[in-house]
PDB file of N, CA and C in Angstrom:
ATOM      1  N   MET A   1    -179.990-115.449  41.379  1.00  0.00           N
ATOM      2  CA  MET A   1    -180.029-116.823  40.924  1.00  0.00           C
ATOM      3  C   MET A   1    -180.114-116.837  39.400  1.00  0.00           C
ATOM      4  N   GLY A   2    -181.226-116.541  38.829  1.00  0.00           N
ATOM      5  CA  GLY A   2    -181.393-116.305  37.402  1.00  0.00           C
ATOM      6  C   GLY A   2    -180.780-117.332  36.476  1.00  0.00           C
ATOM      7  N   ILE A   3    -179.987-116.831  35.536  1.00  0.00           N
ATOM      8  CA  ILE A   3    -179.453-117.678  34.469  1.00  0.00           C
ATOM      9  C   ILE A   3    -177.947-117.898  34.627  1.00  0.00           C
ATOM     10  N   GLU A   4    -177.492-118.103  35.864  1.00  0.00           N
ATOM     11  CA  GLU A   4    -176.058-118.336  36.092  1.00  0.00           C
ATOM     12  C   GLU A   4    -175.562-119.595  35.402  1.00  0.00           C
ATOM     13  N   TRP A   5    -176.410-120.589  35.243  1.00  0.00           N
ATOM     14  CA  TRP A   5    -175.992-121.868  34.690  1.00  0.00           C
ATOM     15  C   TRP A   5    -175.708-121.798  33.190  1.00  0.00           C
ATOM     16  N   ILE A   6    -176.062-120.680  32.535  1.00  0.00           N
ATOM     17  CA  ILE A   6    -175.820-120.537  31.100  1.00  0.00           C
ATOM     18  C   ILE A   6    -174.418-119.986  30.828  1.00  0.00           C
ATOM     19  N   LYS A   7    -173.743-119.497  31.837  1.00  0.00           N
ATOM     20  CA  LYS A   7    -172.405-118.936  31.632  1.00  0.00           C
ATOM     21  C   LYS A   7    -171.480-119.992  31.033  1.00  0.00           C
ATOM     22  N   PRO A   8    -170.645-119.606  30.074  1.00  0.00           N
ATOM     23  CA  PRO A   8    -169.768-120.574  29.397  1.00  0.00           C
ATOM     24  C   PRO A   8    -168.842-121.329  30.351  1.00  0.00           C
ATOM     25  N   GLU A   9    -168.308-120.653  31.362  1.00  0.00           N
ATOM     26  CA  GLU A   9    -167.379-121.350  32.262  1.00  0.00           C
ATOM     27  C   GLU A   9    -168.112-122.392  33.111  1.00  0.00           C
ATOM     28  N   VAL A  10    -169.370-122.164  33.430  1.00  0.00           N
ATOM     29  CA  VAL A  10    -170.141-123.142  34.199  1.00  0.00           C
ATOM     30  C   VAL A  10    -170.456-124.358  33.326  1.00  0.00           C
ATOM     31  N   VAL A  11    -170.869-124.109  32.097  1.00  0.00           N
ATOM     32  CA  VAL A  11    -171.183-125.202  31.176  1.00  0.00           C
ATOM     33  C   VAL A  11    -169.921-126.007  30.870  1.00  0.00           C
ATOM     34  N   LEU A  12    -168.814-125.322  30.587  1.00  0.00           N
ATOM     35  CA  LEU A  12    -167.562-126.019  30.295  1.00  0.00           C
ATOM     36  C   LEU A  12    -167.087-126.828  31.499  1.00  0.00           C
ATOM     37  N   GLY A  13    -167.200-126.257  32.688  1.00  0.00           N
ATOM     38  CA  GLY A  13    -166.814-126.981  33.905  1.00  0.00           C
ATOM     39  C   GLY A  13    -167.660-128.228  34.107  1.00  0.00           C
ATOM     40  N   SER A  14    -168.953-128.129  33.861  1.00  0.00           N
ATOM     41  CA  SER A  14    -169.844-129.287  33.998  1.00  0.00           C
ATOM     42  C   SER A  14    -169.488-130.375  32.999  1.00  0.00           C
ATOM     43  N   ILE A  15    -169.201-129.984  31.768  1.00  0.00           N
ATOM     44  CA  ILE A  15    -168.828-130.959  30.742  1.00  0.00           C
ATOM     45  C   ILE A  15    -167.501-131.628  31.095  1.00  0.00           C
ATOM     46  N   MET A  16    -166.542-130.856  31.567  1.00  0.00           N
ATOM     47  CA  MET A  16    -165.237-131.420  31.935  1.00  0.00           C
ATOM     48  C   MET A  16    -165.366-132.407  33.092  1.00  0.00           C
ATOM     49  N   TYR A  17    -166.127-132.037  34.129  1.00  0.00           N
ATOM     50  CA  TYR A  17    -166.323-132.947  35.254  1.00  0.00           C
ATOM     51  C   TYR A  17    -167.062-134.209  34.830  1.00  0.00           C
ATOM     52  N   ALA A  18    -168.025-134.088  33.928  1.00  0.00           N
ATOM     53  CA  ALA A  18    -168.738-135.263  33.433  1.00  0.00           C
ATOM     54  C   ALA A  18    -167.785-136.183  32.676  1.00  0.00           C
ATOM     55  N   LEU A  19    -166.929-135.624  31.831  1.00  0.00           N
ATOM     56  CA  LEU A  19    -165.966-136.442  31.079  1.00  0.00           C
ATOM     57  C   LEU A  19    -164.955-137.108  32.006  1.00  0.00           C
ATOM     58  N   ILE A  20    -164.495-136.378  33.002  1.00  0.00           N
ATOM     59  CA  ILE A  20    -163.564-136.955  33.974  1.00  0.00           C
ATOM     60  C   ILE A  20    -164.237-138.103  34.719  1.00  0.00           C
ATOM     61  N   GLY A  21    -165.489-137.914  35.125  1.00  0.00           N
ATOM     62  CA  GLY A  21    -166.226-138.960  35.827  1.00  0.00           C
ATOM     63  C   GLY A  21    -166.420-140.203  34.982  1.00  0.00           C
ATOM     64  N   VAL A  22    -166.765-140.024  33.711  1.00  0.00           N
ATOM     65  CA  VAL A  22    -166.948-141.167  32.811  1.00  0.00           C
ATOM     66  C   VAL A  22    -165.620-141.893  32.598  1.00  0.00           C
ATOM     67  N   PHE A  23    -164.539-141.148  32.451  1.00  0.00           N
ATOM     68  CA  PHE A  23    -163.223-141.764  32.275  1.00  0.00           C
ATOM     69  C   PHE A  23    -162.822-142.571  33.507  1.00  0.00           C
ATOM     70  N   ILE A  24    -163.009-142.003  34.683  1.00  0.00           N
ATOM     71  CA  ILE A  24    -162.651-142.711  35.919  1.00  0.00           C
ATOM     72  C   ILE A  24    -163.520-143.952  36.089  1.00  0.00           C
ATOM     73  N   PHE A  25    -164.808-143.842  35.769  1.00  0.00           N
ATOM     74  CA  PHE A  25    -165.685-145.010  35.853  1.00  0.00           C
ATOM     75  C   PHE A  25    -165.222-146.109  34.908  1.00  0.00           C
ATOM     76  N   GLY A  26    -164.910-145.757  33.676  1.00  0.00           N
ATOM     77  CA  GLY A  26    -164.421-146.757  32.713  1.00  0.00           C
ATOM     78  C   GLY A  26    -163.137-147.413  33.186  1.00  0.00           C
ATOM     79  N   LEU A  27    -162.235-146.621  33.730  1.00  0.00           N
ATOM     80  CA  LEU A  27    -160.986-147.155  34.252  1.00  0.00           C
ATOM     81  C   LEU A  27    -161.240-148.127  35.409  1.00  0.00           C
ATOM     82  N   CYS A  28    -162.144-147.759  36.314  1.00  0.00           N
ATOM     83  CA  CYS A  28    -162.481-148.641  37.439  1.00  0.00           C
ATOM     84  C   CYS A  28    -163.114-149.938  36.952  1.00  0.00           C
ATOM     85  N   PHE A  29    -163.974-149.852  35.951  1.00  0.00           N
ATOM     86  CA  PHE A  29    -164.607-151.058  35.416  1.00  0.00           C
ATOM     87  C   PHE A  29    -163.569-151.991  34.795  1.00  0.00           C
ATOM     88  N   VAL A  30    -162.630-151.426  34.054  1.00  0.00           N
ATOM     89  CA  VAL A  30    -161.585-152.247  33.438  1.00  0.00           C
ATOM     90  C   VAL A  30    -160.721-152.908  34.511  1.00  0.00           C
ATOM     91  N   ILE A  31    -160.387-152.170  35.557  1.00  0.00           N
ATOM     92  CA  ILE A  31    -159.574-152.731  36.638  1.00  0.00           C
ATOM     93  C   ILE A  31    -160.317-153.879  37.320  1.00  0.00           C
ATOM     94  N   ILE A  32    -161.596-153.680  37.610  1.00  0.00           N
ATOM     95  CA  ILE A  32    -162.376-154.736  38.257  1.00  0.00           C
ATOM     96  C   ILE A  32    -162.536-155.928  37.325  1.00  0.00           C
ATOM     97  N   ASP A  33    -162.683-155.682  36.040  1.00  0.00           N
ATOM     98  CA  ASP A  33    -162.774-156.769  35.069  1.00  0.00           C
ATOM     99  C   ASP A  33    -161.475-157.578  35.040  1.00  0.00           C
ATOM    100  N   LYS A  34    -160.344-156.902  35.193  1.00  0.00           N
ATOM    101  CA  LYS A  34    -159.052-157.602  35.157  1.00  0.00           C
ATOM    102  C   LYS A  34    -158.800-158.426  36.419  1.00  0.00           C
ATOM    103  N   ILE A  35    -159.306-157.970  37.582  1.00  0.00           N
ATOM    104  CA  ILE A  35    -159.005-158.701  38.812  1.00  0.00           C
ATOM    105  C   ILE A  35    -159.988-159.846  39.084  1.00  0.00           C
ATOM    106  N   THR A  36    -161.085-159.908  38.348  1.00  0.00           N
ATOM    107  CA  THR A  36    -162.003-161.029  38.507  1.00  0.00           C
ATOM    108  C   THR A  36    -161.466-162.228  37.720  1.00  0.00           C
ATOM    109  N   PRO A  37    -161.809-163.452  38.167  1.00  0.00           N
ATOM    110  CA  PRO A  37    -161.246-164.644  37.507  1.00  0.00           C
ATOM    111  C   PRO A  37    -161.850-164.955  36.136  1.00  0.00           C
ATOM    112  N   TYR A  38    -162.832-164.198  35.691  1.00  0.00           N
ATOM    113  CA  TYR A  38    -163.455-164.430  34.390  1.00  0.00           C
ATOM    114  C   TYR A  38    -163.735-163.098  33.720  1.00  0.00           C
ATOM    115  N   HIS A  39    -164.060-163.140  32.448  1.00  0.00           N
ATOM    116  CA  HIS A  39    -164.324-161.929  31.675  1.00  0.00           C
ATOM    117  C   HIS A  39    -165.775-161.505  31.917  1.00  0.00           C
ATOM    118  N   LEU A  40    -165.984-160.372  32.567  1.00  0.00           N
ATOM    119  CA  LEU A  40    -167.326-159.944  32.963  1.00  0.00           C
ATOM    120  C   LEU A  40    -168.282-159.810  31.782  1.00  0.00           C
ATOM    121  N   TRP A  41    -167.839-159.127  30.741  1.00  0.00           N
ATOM    122  CA  TRP A  41    -168.724-158.872  29.599  1.00  0.00           C
ATOM    123  C   TRP A  41    -169.148-160.178  28.938  1.00  0.00           C
ATOM    124  N   ASN A  42    -168.198-161.087  28.777  1.00  0.00           N
ATOM    125  CA  ASN A  42    -168.482-162.389  28.181  1.00  0.00           C
ATOM    126  C   ASN A  42    -169.476-163.163  29.035  1.00  0.00           C
ATOM    127  N   GLU A  43    -169.280-163.138  30.322  1.00  0.00           N
ATOM    128  CA  GLU A  43    -170.128-163.853  31.269  1.00  0.00           C
ATOM    129  C   GLU A  43    -171.558-163.296  31.264  1.00  0.00           C
ATOM    130  N   ILE A  44    -171.693-161.991  31.195  1.00  0.00           N
ATOM    131  CA  ILE A  44    -173.019-161.369  31.254  1.00  0.00           C
ATOM    132  C   ILE A  44    -173.760-161.500  29.924  1.00  0.00           C
ATOM    133  N   ILE A  45    -173.084-161.221  28.825  1.00  0.00           N
ATOM    134  CA  ILE A  45    -173.759-161.195  27.517  1.00  0.00           C
ATOM    135  C   ILE A  45    -173.944-162.588  26.929  1.00  0.00           C
ATOM    136  N   GLU A  46    -172.877-163.369  26.853  1.00  0.00           N
ATOM    137  CA  GLU A  46    -172.970-164.660  26.175  1.00  0.00           C
ATOM    138  C   GLU A  46    -173.591-165.752  27.037  1.00  0.00           C
ATOM    139  N   LYS A  47    -173.247-165.769  28.316  1.00  0.00           N
ATOM    140  CA  LYS A  47    -173.758-166.827  29.192  1.00  0.00           C
ATOM    141  C   LYS A  47    -175.024-166.414  29.935  1.00  0.00           C
ATOM    142  N   GLN A  48    -175.466-165.168  29.745  1.00  0.00           N
ATOM    143  CA  GLN A  48    -176.701-164.657  30.351  1.00  0.00           C
ATOM    144  C   GLN A  48    -176.723-164.821  31.873  1.00  0.00           C
ATOM    145  N   ASN A  49    -175.620-164.520  32.515  1.00  0.00           N
ATOM    146  CA  ASN A  49    -175.499-164.637  33.967  1.00  0.00           C
ATOM    147  C   ASN A  49    -176.133-163.403  34.617  1.00  0.00           C
ATOM    148  N   ARG A  50    -177.402-163.533  35.003  1.00  0.00           N
ATOM    149  CA  ARG A  50    -178.138-162.389  35.546  1.00  0.00           C
ATOM    150  C   ARG A  50    -177.668-162.004  36.946  1.00  0.00           C
ATOM    151  N   ALA A  51    -177.262-162.981  37.721  1.00  0.00           N
ATOM    152  CA  ALA A  51    -176.770-162.672  39.065  1.00  0.00           C
ATOM    153  C   ALA A  51    -175.513-161.810  38.984  1.00  0.00           C
ATOM    154  N   LEU A  52    -174.611-162.163  38.092  1.00  0.00           N
ATOM    155  CA  LEU A  52    -173.397-161.368  37.909  1.00  0.00           C
ATOM    156  C   LEU A  52    -173.741-159.983  37.365  1.00  0.00           C
ATOM    157  N   ALA A  53    -174.733-159.918  36.492  1.00  0.00           N
ATOM    158  CA  ALA A  53    -175.152-158.620  35.954  1.00  0.00           C
ATOM    159  C   ALA A  53    -175.663-157.708  37.068  1.00  0.00           C
ATOM    160  N   LEU A  54    -176.400-158.248  38.020  1.00  0.00           N
ATOM    161  CA  LEU A  54    -176.877-157.445  39.146  1.00  0.00           C
ATOM    162  C   LEU A  54    -175.724-156.996  40.034  1.00  0.00           C
ATOM    163  N   VAL A  55    -174.755-157.864  40.243  1.00  0.00           N
ATOM    164  CA  VAL A  55    -173.588-157.489  41.048  1.00  0.00           C
ATOM    165  C   VAL A  55    -172.798-156.383  40.353  1.00  0.00           C
ATOM    166  N   VAL A  56    -172.599-156.494  39.062  1.00  0.00           N
ATOM    167  CA  VAL A  56    -171.872-155.473  38.305  1.00  0.00           C
ATOM    168  C   VAL A  56    -172.663-154.162  38.290  1.00  0.00           C
ATOM    169  N   ALA A  57    -173.984-154.238  38.190  1.00  0.00           N
ATOM    170  CA  ALA A  57    -174.806-153.029  38.223  1.00  0.00           C
ATOM    171  C   ALA A  57    -174.684-152.324  39.576  1.00  0.00           C
ATOM    172  N   ALA A  58    -174.723-153.089  40.654  1.00  0.00           N
ATOM    173  CA  ALA A  58    -174.572-152.501  41.988  1.00  0.00           C
ATOM    174  C   ALA A  58    -173.181-151.895  42.153  1.00  0.00           C
ATOM    175  N   MET A  59    -172.168-152.593  41.658  1.00  0.00           N
ATOM    176  CA  MET A  59    -170.805-152.080  41.725  1.00  0.00           C
ATOM    177  C   MET A  59    -170.678-150.793  40.910  1.00  0.00           C
ATOM    178  N   SER A  60    -171.305-150.752  39.759  1.00  0.00           N
ATOM    179  CA  SER A  60    -171.259-149.561  38.911  1.00  0.00           C
ATOM    180  C   SER A  60    -171.922-148.371  39.590  1.00  0.00           C
ATOM    181  N   LEU A  61    -173.068-148.597  40.206  1.00  0.00           N
ATOM    182  CA  LEU A  61    -173.734-147.515  40.925  1.00  0.00           C
ATOM    183  C   LEU A  61    -172.884-147.027  42.091  1.00  0.00           C
ATOM    184  N   GLY A  62    -172.254-147.947  42.802  1.00  0.00           N
ATOM    185  CA  GLY A  62    -171.388-147.560  43.905  1.00  0.00           C
ATOM    186  C   GLY A  62    -170.229-146.715  43.442  1.00  0.00           C
ATOM    187  N   ILE A  63    -169.573-147.125  42.370  1.00  0.00           N
ATOM    188  CA  ILE A  63    -168.453-146.357  41.825  1.00  0.00           C
ATOM    189  C   ILE A  63    -168.924-144.974  41.380  1.00  0.00           C
ATOM    190  N   CYS A  64    -170.092-144.931  40.712  1.00  0.00           N
ATOM    191  CA  CYS A  64    -170.617-143.643  40.242  1.00  0.00           C
ATOM    192  C   CYS A  64    -170.935-142.698  41.394  1.00  0.00           C
ATOM    193  N   ILE A  65    -171.474-143.225  42.478  1.00  0.00           N
ATOM    194  CA  ILE A  65    -171.786-142.384  43.639  1.00  0.00           C
ATOM    195  C   ILE A  65    -170.504-141.850  44.263  1.00  0.00           C
ATOM    196  N   ILE A  66    -169.489-142.690  44.351  1.00  0.00           N
ATOM    197  CA  ILE A  66    -168.198-142.248  44.914  1.00  0.00           C
ATOM    198  C   ILE A  66    -167.571-141.165  44.043  1.00  0.00           C
ATOM    199  N   ILE A  67    -167.590-141.368  42.717  1.00  0.00           N
ATOM    200  CA  ILE A  67    -167.013-140.381  41.798  1.00  0.00           C
ATOM    201  C   ILE A  67    -167.787-139.069  41.877  1.00  0.00           C
ATOM    202  N   ALA A  68    -169.115-139.144  41.911  1.00  0.00           N
ATOM    203  CA  ALA A  68    -169.934-137.928  41.984  1.00  0.00           C
ATOM    204  C   ALA A  68    -169.658-137.168  43.275  1.00  0.00           C
ATOM    205  N   ALA A  69    -169.506-137.876  44.375  1.00  0.00           N
ATOM    206  CA  ALA A  69    -169.225-137.220  45.645  1.00  0.00           C
ATOM    207  C   ALA A  69    -167.827-136.588  45.635  1.00  0.00           C
ATOM    208  N   ALA A  70    -166.879-137.271  45.026  1.00  0.00           N
ATOM    209  CA  ALA A  70    -165.516-136.740  44.977  1.00  0.00           C
ATOM    210  C   ALA A  70    -165.431-135.510  44.082  1.00  0.00           C
ATOM    211  N   ILE A  71    -166.152-135.504  42.980  1.00  0.00           N
ATOM    212  CA  ILE A  71    -166.116-134.367  42.059  1.00  0.00           C
ATOM    213  C   ILE A  71    -166.903-133.185  42.603  1.00  0.00           C
ATOM    214  N   HIS A  72    -167.990-133.467  43.266  1.00  0.00           N
ATOM    215  CA  HIS A  72    -168.857-132.405  43.773  1.00  0.00           C
ATOM    216  C   HIS A  72    -168.139-131.663  44.871  1.00  0.00           C
TER     217      HIS A  72
END
């Protein structure tokens, strides 16, 4: 077991998978923002719509769990 996680290929692989996951999450967020009838960021920040913020947070967690499972 030891120090296998310090190997360069393991660290590089982890960084690459993390970047791929963040990119896919951002892409999914943009797609969902485009298919909703209003601008999510504007609605959450400027209009202080907390209910929408909770829905977007739940959606974000769901997308992240799916991406993590797919990458793992």
